[in-house]
Amino acid sequence: MKPSVDEIRITLISALKEQLAELGMAEERVIGTTRLSADLGLSSMDALQLMAVIDNRLGTKLPFERLVISEGQYVKDLTVDALAEFAFRNFESDPSLTAL
């Protein structure tokens, strides 16, 4: 069943907070307008790790390459809302994956 954009946002925020803790960063207040790089200091490798966690938790494989490359250029930063809305628009349930 396809989760709502709000459910995806909650999943994303939870994953971000866990990732920040694993990186030894102080837990930041993460909201929809929070930017992954500018506000949280995530590197491109951190963002890739986050995307893998999102796929796992949602039980799907999202086409993140469409999100991070726009008009032939890499997108420099993403907000939590942009990532959640992208996941909602591109969600397709994959029964071979199990959500955590």
PDB file of N, CA and C in Angstrom:
ATOM      1  N   MET A   1       0.839  -1.178   0.000  1.00  0.00           N
ATOM      2  CA  MET A   1       0.000   0.000   0.000  1.00  0.00           C
ATOM      3  C   MET A   1       0.891   1.250   0.000  1.00  0.00           C
ATOM      4  N   LYS A   2       0.511   2.202  -0.804  1.00  0.00           N
ATOM      5  CA  LYS A   2       1.288   3.425  -0.939  1.00  0.00           C
ATOM      6  C   LYS A   2       1.091   4.315   0.293  1.00  0.00           C
ATOM      7  N   PRO A   3       2.196   4.709   0.941  1.00  0.00           N
ATOM      8  CA  PRO A   3       2.080   5.613   2.094  1.00  0.00           C
ATOM      9  C   PRO A   3       1.755   7.030   1.631  1.00  0.00           C
ATOM     10  N   SER A   4       1.187   7.810   2.531  1.00  0.00           N
ATOM     11  CA  SER A   4       0.910   9.211   2.219  1.00  0.00           C
ATOM     12  C   SER A   4       2.210  10.000   2.247  1.00  0.00           C
ATOM     13  N   VAL A   5       2.191  11.192   1.682  1.00  0.00           N
ATOM     14  CA  VAL A   5       3.381  12.040   1.703  1.00  0.00           C
ATOM     15  C   VAL A   5       3.765  12.368   3.145  1.00  0.00           C
ATOM     16  N   ASP A   6       2.786  12.518   4.034  1.00  0.00           N
ATOM     17  CA  ASP A   6       3.092  12.780   5.448  1.00  0.00           C
ATOM     18  C   ASP A   6       3.771  11.583   6.107  1.00  0.00           C
ATOM     19  N   GLU A   7       3.314  10.368   5.784  1.00  0.00           N
ATOM     20  CA  GLU A   7       3.958   9.165   6.331  1.00  0.00           C
ATOM     21  C   GLU A   7       5.394   9.049   5.823  1.00  0.00           C
ATOM     22  N   ILE A   8       5.597   9.370   4.560  1.00  0.00           N
ATOM     23  CA  ILE A   8       6.947   9.344   4.003  1.00  0.00           C
ATOM     24  C   ILE A   8       7.820  10.385   4.684  1.00  0.00           C
ATOM     25  N   ARG A   9       7.280  11.577   4.910  1.00  0.00           N
ATOM     26  CA  ARG A   9       8.040  12.649   5.576  1.00  0.00           C
ATOM     27  C   ARG A   9       8.460  12.205   6.979  1.00  0.00           C
ATOM     28  N   ILE A  10       7.558  11.574   7.710  1.00  0.00           N
ATOM     29  CA  ILE A  10       7.866  11.086   9.060  1.00  0.00           C
ATOM     30  C   ILE A  10       8.974  10.032   9.001  1.00  0.00           C
ATOM     31  N   THR A  11       8.883   9.119   8.048  1.00  0.00           N
ATOM     32  CA  THR A  11       9.914   8.095   7.860  1.00  0.00           C
ATOM     33  C   THR A  11      11.254   8.744   7.543  1.00  0.00           C
ATOM     34  N   LEU A  12      11.234   9.722   6.673  1.00  0.00           N
ATOM     35  CA  LEU A  12      12.449  10.424   6.270  1.00  0.00           C
ATOM     36  C   LEU A  12      13.083  11.171   7.446  1.00  0.00           C
ATOM     37  N   ILE A  13      12.277  11.877   8.211  1.00  0.00           N
ATOM     38  CA  ILE A  13      12.794  12.625   9.360  1.00  0.00           C
ATOM     39  C   ILE A  13      13.395  11.674  10.396  1.00  0.00           C
ATOM     40  N   SER A  14      12.735  10.550  10.636  1.00  0.00           N
ATOM     41  CA  SER A  14      13.261   9.562  11.570  1.00  0.00           C
ATOM     42  C   SER A  14      14.608   9.025  11.091  1.00  0.00           C
ATOM     43  N   ALA A  15      14.698   8.700   9.808  1.00  0.00           N
ATOM     44  CA  ALA A  15      15.955   8.194   9.246  1.00  0.00           C
ATOM     45  C   ALA A  15      17.055   9.246   9.322  1.00  0.00           C
ATOM     46  N   LEU A  16      16.708  10.495   9.063  1.00  0.00           N
ATOM     47  CA  LEU A  16      17.693  11.573   9.150  1.00  0.00           C
ATOM     48  C   LEU A  16      18.227  11.730  10.567  1.00  0.00           C
ATOM     49  N   LYS A  17      17.352  11.711  11.544  1.00  0.00           N
ATOM     50  CA  LYS A  17      17.784  11.859  12.938  1.00  0.00           C
ATOM     51  C   LYS A  17      18.695  10.709  13.352  1.00  0.00           C
ATOM     52  N   GLU A  18      18.368   9.492  12.920  1.00  0.00           N
ATOM     53  CA  GLU A  18      19.217   8.344  13.232  1.00  0.00           C
ATOM     54  C   GLU A  18      20.575   8.483  12.552  1.00  0.00           C
ATOM     55  N   GLN A  19      20.570   8.931  11.296  1.00  0.00           N
ATOM     56  CA  GLN A  19      21.822   9.096  10.574  1.00  0.00           C
ATOM     57  C   GLN A  19      22.689  10.168  11.223  1.00  0.00           C
ATOM     58  N   LEU A  20      22.084  11.265  11.651  1.00  0.00           N
ATOM     59  CA  LEU A  20      22.847  12.316  12.327  1.00  0.00           C
ATOM     60  C   LEU A  20      23.486  11.779  13.601  1.00  0.00           C
ATOM     61  N   ALA A  21      22.737  10.974  14.349  1.00  0.00           N
ATOM     62  CA  ALA A  21      23.270  10.382  15.579  1.00  0.00           C
ATOM     63  C   ALA A  21      24.443   9.451  15.266  1.00  0.00           C
ATOM     64  N   GLU A  22      24.307   8.634  14.214  1.00  0.00           N
ATOM     65  CA  GLU A  22      25.382   7.717  13.823  1.00  0.00           C
ATOM     66  C   GLU A  22      26.635   8.476  13.392  1.00  0.00           C
ATOM     67  N   LEU A  23      26.446   9.646  12.801  1.00  0.00           N
ATOM     68  CA  LEU A  23      27.575  10.460  12.358  1.00  0.00           C
ATOM     69  C   LEU A  23      28.181  11.275  13.494  1.00  0.00           C
ATOM     70  N   GLY A  24      27.582  11.167  14.684  1.00  0.00           N
ATOM     71  CA  GLY A  24      28.084  11.896  15.835  1.00  0.00           C
ATOM     72  C   GLY A  24      27.738  13.366  15.811  1.00  0.00           C
ATOM     73  N   MET A  25      26.719  13.711  15.040  1.00  0.00           N
ATOM     74  CA  MET A  25      26.292  15.105  14.952  1.00  0.00           C
ATOM     75  C   MET A  25      25.189  15.349  15.977  1.00  0.00           C
ATOM     76  N   ALA A  26      25.157  16.543  16.488  1.00  0.00           N
ATOM     77  CA  ALA A  26      24.088  16.898  17.418  1.00  0.00           C
ATOM     78  C   ALA A  26      22.757  16.787  16.681  1.00  0.00           C
ATOM     79  N   GLU A  27      21.761  16.261  17.376  1.00  0.00           N
ATOM     80  CA  GLU A  27      20.454  16.138  16.745  1.00  0.00           C
ATOM     81  C   GLU A  27      19.901  17.521  16.451  1.00  0.00           C
ATOM     82  N   GLU A  28      19.622  17.708  15.202  1.00  0.00           N
ATOM     83  CA  GLU A  28      19.062  18.980  14.746  1.00  0.00           C
ATOM     84  C   GLU A  28      17.543  18.879  14.714  1.00  0.00           C
ATOM     85  N   ARG A  29      16.908  20.007  14.754  1.00  0.00           N
ATOM     86  CA  ARG A  29      15.468  20.025  14.538  1.00  0.00           C
ATOM     87  C   ARG A  29      15.254  19.875  13.038  1.00  0.00           C
ATOM     88  N   VAL A  30      14.663  18.780  12.648  1.00  0.00           N
ATOM     89  CA  VAL A  30      14.464  18.478  11.239  1.00  0.00           C
ATOM     90  C   VAL A  30      12.994  18.667  10.910  1.00  0.00           C
ATOM     91  N   ILE A  31      12.730  19.568   9.961  1.00  0.00           N
ATOM     92  CA  ILE A  31      11.363  19.843   9.501  1.00  0.00           C
ATOM     93  C   ILE A  31      11.357  19.796   7.975  1.00  0.00           C
ATOM     94  N   GLY A  32      10.228  20.030   7.382  1.00  0.00           N
ATOM     95  CA  GLY A  32      10.084  19.941   5.931  1.00  0.00           C
ATOM     96  C   GLY A  32      11.020  20.828   5.139  1.00  0.00           C
ATOM     97  N   THR A  33      11.310  22.013   5.642  1.00  0.00           N
ATOM     98  CA  THR A  33      12.157  22.947   4.898  1.00  0.00           C
ATOM     99  C   THR A  33      13.652  22.770   5.181  1.00  0.00           C
ATOM    100  N   THR A  34      13.992  21.815   6.030  1.00  0.00           N
ATOM    101  CA  THR A  34      15.392  21.557   6.342  1.00  0.00           C
ATOM    102  C   THR A  34      16.115  21.072   5.088  1.00  0.00           C
ATOM    103  N   ARG A  35      17.262  21.686   4.803  1.00  0.00           N
ATOM    104  CA  ARG A  35      18.079  21.291   3.650  1.00  0.00           C
ATOM    105  C   ARG A  35      19.131  20.274   4.102  1.00  0.00           C
ATOM    106  N   LEU A  36      19.288  19.222   3.319  1.00  0.00           N
ATOM    107  CA  LEU A  36      20.182  18.133   3.706  1.00  0.00           C
ATOM    108  C   LEU A  36      21.630  18.582   3.829  1.00  0.00           C
ATOM    109  N   SER A  37      22.096  19.385   2.911  1.00  0.00           N
ATOM    110  CA  SER A  37      23.491  19.811   2.925  1.00  0.00           C
ATOM    111  C   SER A  37      23.697  21.087   3.729  1.00  0.00           C
ATOM    112  N   ALA A  38      23.005  22.141   3.350  1.00  0.00           N
ATOM    113  CA  ALA A  38      23.231  23.451   3.971  1.00  0.00           C
ATOM    114  C   ALA A  38      22.859  23.476   5.451  1.00  0.00           C
ATOM    115  N   ASP A  39      21.760  22.820   5.820  1.00  0.00           N
ATOM    116  CA  ASP A  39      21.310  22.873   7.212  1.00  0.00           C
ATOM    117  C   ASP A  39      21.867  21.743   8.076  1.00  0.00           C
ATOM    118  N   LEU A  40      21.981  20.546   7.481  1.00  0.00           N
ATOM    119  CA  LEU A  40      22.414  19.388   8.269  1.00  0.00           C
ATOM    120  C   LEU A  40      23.874  19.016   8.024  1.00  0.00           C
ATOM    121  N   GLY A  41      24.458  19.561   6.984  1.00  0.00           N
ATOM    122  CA  GLY A  41      25.862  19.286   6.699  1.00  0.00           C
ATOM    123  C   GLY A  41      26.123  17.917   6.113  1.00  0.00           C
ATOM    124  N   LEU A  42      25.094  17.285   5.510  1.00  0.00           N
ATOM    125  CA  LEU A  42      25.305  15.966   4.927  1.00  0.00           C
ATOM    126  C   LEU A  42      26.111  16.073   3.638  1.00  0.00           C
ATOM    127  N   SER A  43      27.047  15.174   3.476  1.00  0.00           N
ATOM    128  CA  SER A  43      27.830  15.100   2.241  1.00  0.00           C
ATOM    129  C   SER A  43      27.024  14.332   1.194  1.00  0.00           C
ATOM    130  N   SER A  44      27.533  14.293  -0.019  1.00  0.00           N
ATOM    131  CA  SER A  44      26.842  13.537  -1.063  1.00  0.00           C
ATOM    132  C   SER A  44      26.812  12.046  -0.707  1.00  0.00           C
ATOM    133  N   MET A  45      27.866  11.540  -0.061  1.00  0.00           N
ATOM    134  CA  MET A  45      27.880  10.136   0.369  1.00  0.00           C
ATOM    135  C   MET A  45      26.848   9.894   1.466  1.00  0.00           C
ATOM    136  N   ASP A  46      26.698  10.849   2.387  1.00  0.00           N
ATOM    137  CA  ASP A  46      25.674  10.740   3.428  1.00  0.00           C
ATOM    138  C   ASP A  46      24.285  10.698   2.801  1.00  0.00           C
ATOM    139  N   ALA A  47      24.071  11.531   1.781  1.00  0.00           N
ATOM    140  CA  ALA A  47      22.778  11.581   1.104  1.00  0.00           C
ATOM    141  C   ALA A  47      22.489  10.257   0.395  1.00  0.00           C
ATOM    142  N   LEU A  48      23.504   9.665  -0.223  1.00  0.00           N
ATOM    143  CA  LEU A  48      23.318   8.362  -0.866  1.00  0.00           C
ATOM    144  C   LEU A  48      22.947   7.291   0.152  1.00  0.00           C
ATOM    145  N   GLN A  49      23.597   7.329   1.305  1.00  0.00           N
ATOM    146  CA  GLN A  49      23.274   6.377   2.365  1.00  0.00           C
ATOM    147  C   GLN A  49      21.832   6.577   2.823  1.00  0.00           C
ATOM    148  N   LEU A  50      21.422   7.829   2.970  1.00  0.00           N
ATOM    149  CA  LEU A  50      20.051   8.133   3.372  1.00  0.00           C
ATOM    150  C   LEU A  50      19.055   7.591   2.349  1.00  0.00           C
ATOM    151  N   MET A  51      19.351   7.741   1.075  1.00  0.00           N
ATOM    152  CA  MET A  51      18.453   7.256   0.024  1.00  0.00           C
ATOM    153  C   MET A  51      18.309   5.738   0.081  1.00  0.00           C
ATOM    154  N   ALA A  52      19.390   5.039   0.392  1.00  0.00           N
ATOM    155  CA  ALA A  52      19.318   3.580   0.531  1.00  0.00           C
ATOM    156  C   ALA A  52      18.441   3.197   1.721  1.00  0.00           C
ATOM    157  N   VAL A  53      18.564   3.931   2.818  1.00  0.00           N
ATOM    158  CA  VAL A  53      17.730   3.681   3.996  1.00  0.00           C
ATOM    159  C   VAL A  53      16.255   3.939   3.679  1.00  0.00           C
ATOM    160  N   ILE A  54      15.983   5.004   2.935  1.00  0.00           N
ATOM    161  CA  ILE A  54      14.597   5.324   2.562  1.00  0.00           C
ATOM    162  C   ILE A  54      14.008   4.194   1.723  1.00  0.00           C
ATOM    163  N   ASP A  55      14.762   3.722   0.724  1.00  0.00           N
ATOM    164  CA  ASP A  55      14.289   2.590  -0.086  1.00  0.00           C
ATOM    165  C   ASP A  55      13.944   1.405   0.803  1.00  0.00           C
ATOM    166  N   ASN A  56      14.826   1.094   1.731  1.00  0.00           N
ATOM    167  CA  ASN A  56      14.626  -0.050   2.615  1.00  0.00           C
ATOM    168  C   ASN A  56      13.389   0.129   3.486  1.00  0.00           C
ATOM    169  N   ARG A  57      13.266   1.273   4.092  1.00  0.00           N
ATOM    170  CA  ARG A  57      12.140   1.502   5.011  1.00  0.00           C
ATOM    171  C   ARG A  57      10.797   1.569   4.299  1.00  0.00           C
ATOM    172  N   LEU A  58      10.796   2.079   3.084  1.00  0.00           N
ATOM    173  CA  LEU A  58       9.546   2.170   2.335  1.00  0.00           C
ATOM    174  C   LEU A  58       9.244   0.895   1.558  1.00  0.00           C
ATOM    175  N   GLY A  59      10.238   0.007   1.449  1.00  0.00           N
ATOM    176  CA  GLY A  59      10.024  -1.244   0.728  1.00  0.00           C
ATOM    177  C   GLY A  59       9.886  -1.039  -0.763  1.00  0.00           C
ATOM    178  N   THR A  60      10.650  -0.112  -1.308  1.00  0.00           N
ATOM    179  CA  THR A  60      10.596   0.166  -2.738  1.00  0.00           C
ATOM    180  C   THR A  60      11.962   0.624  -3.211  1.00  0.00           C
ATOM    181  N   LYS A  61      12.136   0.718  -4.501  1.00  0.00           N
ATOM    182  CA  LYS A  61      13.371   1.255  -5.087  1.00  0.00           C
ATOM    183  C   LYS A  61      12.977   2.508  -5.844  1.00  0.00           C
ATOM    184  N   LEU A  62      13.391   3.652  -5.309  1.00  0.00           N
ATOM    185  CA  LEU A  62      13.042   4.936  -5.920  1.00  0.00           C
ATOM    186  C   LEU A  62      14.106   5.363  -6.929  1.00  0.00           C
ATOM    187  N   PRO A  63      13.703   6.018  -8.006  1.00  0.00           N
ATOM    188  CA  PRO A  63      14.657   6.467  -9.031  1.00  0.00           C
ATOM    189  C   PRO A  63      15.316   7.796  -8.639  1.00  0.00           C
ATOM    190  N   PHE A  64      16.150   7.754  -7.600  1.00  0.00           N
ATOM    191  CA  PHE A  64      16.741   8.977  -7.068  1.00  0.00           C
ATOM    192  C   PHE A  64      17.581   9.732  -8.088  1.00  0.00           C
ATOM    193  N   GLU A  65      18.081   9.018  -9.107  1.00  0.00           N
ATOM    194  CA  GLU A  65      18.873   9.706 -10.119  1.00  0.00           C
ATOM    195  C   GLU A  65      18.063  10.815 -10.797  1.00  0.00           C
ATOM    196  N   ARG A  66      16.750  10.652 -10.878  1.00  0.00           N
ATOM    197  CA  ARG A  66      15.883  11.696 -11.449  1.00  0.00           C
ATOM    198  C   ARG A  66      15.792  12.910 -10.537  1.00  0.00           C
ATOM    199  N   LEU A  67      15.999  12.701  -9.264  1.00  0.00           N
ATOM    200  CA  LEU A  67      15.910  13.787  -8.291  1.00  0.00           C
ATOM    201  C   LEU A  67      17.207  14.564  -8.189  1.00  0.00           C
ATOM    202  N   VAL A  68      18.319  13.887  -8.249  1.00  0.00           N
ATOM    203  CA  VAL A  68      19.602  14.548  -8.003  1.00  0.00           C
ATOM    204  C   VAL A  68      20.241  15.136  -9.259  1.00  0.00           C
ATOM    205  N   ILE A  69      19.685  14.812 -10.436  1.00  0.00           N
ATOM    206  CA  ILE A  69      20.179  15.413 -11.678  1.00  0.00           C
ATOM    207  C   ILE A  69      19.005  16.099 -12.357  1.00  0.00           C
ATOM    208  N   SER A  70      19.139  17.391 -12.584  1.00  0.00           N
ATOM    209  CA  SER A  70      18.095  18.172 -13.230  1.00  0.00           C
ATOM    210  C   SER A  70      18.705  18.943 -14.396  1.00  0.00           C
ATOM    211  N   GLU A  71      18.149  18.740 -15.564  1.00  0.00           N
ATOM    212  CA  GLU A  71      18.623  19.410 -16.771  1.00  0.00           C
ATOM    213  C   GLU A  71      20.128  19.220 -16.971  1.00  0.00           C
ATOM    214  N   GLY A  72      20.598  17.995 -16.718  1.00  0.00           N
ATOM    215  CA  GLY A  72      21.996  17.661 -16.917  1.00  0.00           C
ATOM    216  C   GLY A  72      22.944  18.157 -15.837  1.00  0.00           C
ATOM    217  N   GLN A  73      22.417  18.768 -14.797  1.00  0.00           N
ATOM    218  CA  GLN A  73      23.236  19.304 -13.711  1.00  0.00           C
ATOM    219  C   GLN A  73      22.862  18.619 -12.398  1.00  0.00           C
ATOM    220  N   TYR A  74      23.874  18.411 -11.548  1.00  0.00           N
ATOM    221  CA  TYR A  74      23.585  17.867 -10.221  1.00  0.00           C
ATOM    222  C   TYR A  74      22.878  18.920  -9.381  1.00  0.00           C
ATOM    223  N   VAL A  75      21.852  18.487  -8.658  1.00  0.00           N
ATOM    224  CA  VAL A  75      21.142  19.368  -7.735  1.00  0.00           C
ATOM    225  C   VAL A  75      22.030  19.521  -6.505  1.00  0.00           C
ATOM    226  N   LYS A  76      22.285  20.742  -6.087  1.00  0.00           N
ATOM    227  CA  LYS A  76      23.229  20.986  -4.998  1.00  0.00           C
ATOM    228  C   LYS A  76      22.665  20.677  -3.617  1.00  0.00           C
ATOM    229  N   ASP A  77      21.369  20.840  -3.435  1.00  0.00           N
ATOM    230  CA  ASP A  77      20.783  20.610  -2.120  1.00  0.00           C
ATOM    231  C   ASP A  77      19.315  20.240  -2.270  1.00  0.00           C
ATOM    232  N   LEU A  78      18.803  19.512  -1.306  1.00  0.00           N
ATOM    233  CA  LEU A  78      17.405  19.089  -1.289  1.00  0.00           C
ATOM    234  C   LEU A  78      16.813  19.359   0.076  1.00  0.00           C
ATOM    235  N   THR A  79      15.529  19.681   0.093  1.00  0.00           N
ATOM    236  CA  THR A  79      14.829  19.812   1.368  1.00  0.00           C
ATOM    237  C   THR A  79      14.168  18.479   1.705  1.00  0.00           C
ATOM    238  N   VAL A  80      13.812  18.324   2.958  1.00  0.00           N
ATOM    239  CA  VAL A  80      13.078  17.140   3.400  1.00  0.00           C
ATOM    240  C   VAL A  80      11.773  17.036   2.622  1.00  0.00           C
ATOM    241  N   ASP A  81      11.057  18.149   2.460  1.00  0.00           N
ATOM    242  CA  ASP A  81       9.791  18.131   1.721  1.00  0.00           C
ATOM    243  C   ASP A  81       9.980  17.701   0.273  1.00  0.00           C
ATOM    244  N   ALA A  82      11.017  18.217  -0.396  1.00  0.00           N
ATOM    245  CA  ALA A  82      11.258  17.846  -1.794  1.00  0.00           C
ATOM    246  C   ALA A  82      11.522  16.351  -1.906  1.00  0.00           C
ATOM    247  N   LEU A  83      12.292  15.809  -0.976  1.00  0.00           N
ATOM    248  CA  LEU A  83      12.595  14.384  -0.983  1.00  0.00           C
ATOM    249  C   LEU A  83      11.341  13.550  -0.695  1.00  0.00           C
ATOM    250  N   ALA A  84      10.531  13.981   0.259  1.00  0.00           N
ATOM    251  CA  ALA A  84       9.297  13.262   0.597  1.00  0.00           C
ATOM    252  C   ALA A  84       8.309  13.296  -0.565  1.00  0.00           C
ATOM    253  N   GLU A  85       8.160  14.437  -1.195  1.00  0.00           N
ATOM    254  CA  GLU A  85       7.226  14.557  -2.324  1.00  0.00           C
ATOM    255  C   GLU A  85       7.703  13.738  -3.512  1.00  0.00           C
ATOM    256  N   PHE A  86       9.003  13.721  -3.750  1.00  0.00           N
ATOM    257  CA  PHE A  86       9.557  12.894  -4.815  1.00  0.00           C
ATOM    258  C   PHE A  86       9.258  11.420  -4.532  1.00  0.00           C
ATOM    259  N   ALA A  87       9.507  10.976  -3.309  1.00  0.00           N
ATOM    260  CA  ALA A  87       9.255   9.583  -2.944  1.00  0.00           C
ATOM    261  C   ALA A  87       7.778   9.239  -3.117  1.00  0.00           C
ATOM    262  N   PHE A  88       6.898  10.138  -2.747  1.00  0.00           N
ATOM    263  CA  PHE A  88       5.458   9.903  -2.894  1.00  0.00           C
ATOM    264  C   PHE A  88       5.076   9.763  -4.371  1.00  0.00           C
ATOM    265  N   ARG A  89       5.565  10.662  -5.200  1.00  0.00           N
ATOM    266  CA  ARG A  89       5.226  10.640  -6.637  1.00  0.00           C
ATOM    267  C   ARG A  89       5.778   9.403  -7.343  1.00  0.00           C
ATOM    268  N   ASN A  90       6.886   8.890  -6.867  1.00  0.00           N
ATOM    269  CA  ASN A  90       7.560   7.787  -7.552  1.00  0.00           C
ATOM    270  C   ASN A  90       7.446   6.455  -6.826  1.00  0.00           C
ATOM    271  N   PHE A  91       6.593   6.379  -5.823  1.00  0.00           N
ATOM    272  CA  PHE A  91       6.466   5.168  -5.021  1.00  0.00           C
ATOM    273  C   PHE A  91       5.785   4.059  -5.816  1.00  0.00           C
ATOM    274  N   GLU A  92       6.425   2.913  -5.817  1.00  0.00           N
ATOM    275  CA  GLU A  92       5.827   1.688  -6.358  1.00  0.00           C
ATOM    276  C   GLU A  92       6.201   0.578  -5.400  1.00  0.00           C
ATOM    277  N   SER A  93       5.228  -0.092  -4.878  1.00  0.00           N
ATOM    278  CA  SER A  93       5.480  -1.145  -3.911  1.00  0.00           C
ATOM    279  C   SER A  93       6.280  -2.280  -4.555  1.00  0.00           C
ATOM    280  N   ASP A  94       7.302  -2.741  -3.865  1.00  0.00           N
ATOM    281  CA  ASP A  94       8.143  -3.847  -4.332  1.00  0.00           C
ATOM    282  C   ASP A  94       8.099  -4.923  -3.264  1.00  0.00           C
ATOM    283  N   PRO A  95       7.317  -5.979  -3.513  1.00  0.00           N
ATOM    284  CA  PRO A  95       7.166  -7.019  -2.490  1.00  0.00           C
ATOM    285  C   PRO A  95       8.433  -7.776  -2.168  1.00  0.00           C
ATOM    286  N   SER A  96       9.485  -7.659  -2.999  1.00  0.00           N
ATOM    287  CA  SER A  96      10.727  -8.365  -2.704  1.00  0.00           C
ATOM    288  C   SER A  96      11.540  -7.664  -1.627  1.00  0.00           C
ATOM    289  N   LEU A  97      11.183  -6.408  -1.312  1.00  0.00           N
ATOM    290  CA  LEU A  97      11.857  -5.651  -0.254  1.00  0.00           C
ATOM    291  C   LEU A  97      10.982  -5.677   0.983  1.00  0.00           C
ATOM    292  N   THR A  98      11.596  -5.670   2.127  1.00  0.00           N
ATOM    293  CA  THR A  98      10.822  -5.646   3.361  1.00  0.00           C
ATOM    294  C   THR A  98      11.088  -4.350   4.095  1.00  0.00           C
ATOM    295  N   ALA A  99      10.032  -3.672   4.505  1.00  0.00           N
ATOM    296  CA  ALA A  99      10.173  -2.429   5.270  1.00  0.00           C
ATOM    297  C   ALA A  99      10.574  -2.761   6.690  1.00  0.00           C
ATOM    298  N   LEU A 100      11.357  -1.878   7.278  1.00  0.00           N
ATOM    299  CA  LEU A 100      11.783  -2.072   8.682  1.00  0.00           C
ATOM    300  C   LEU A 100      10.686  -1.701   9.623  1.00  0.00           C
TER     301      LEU A 100
END
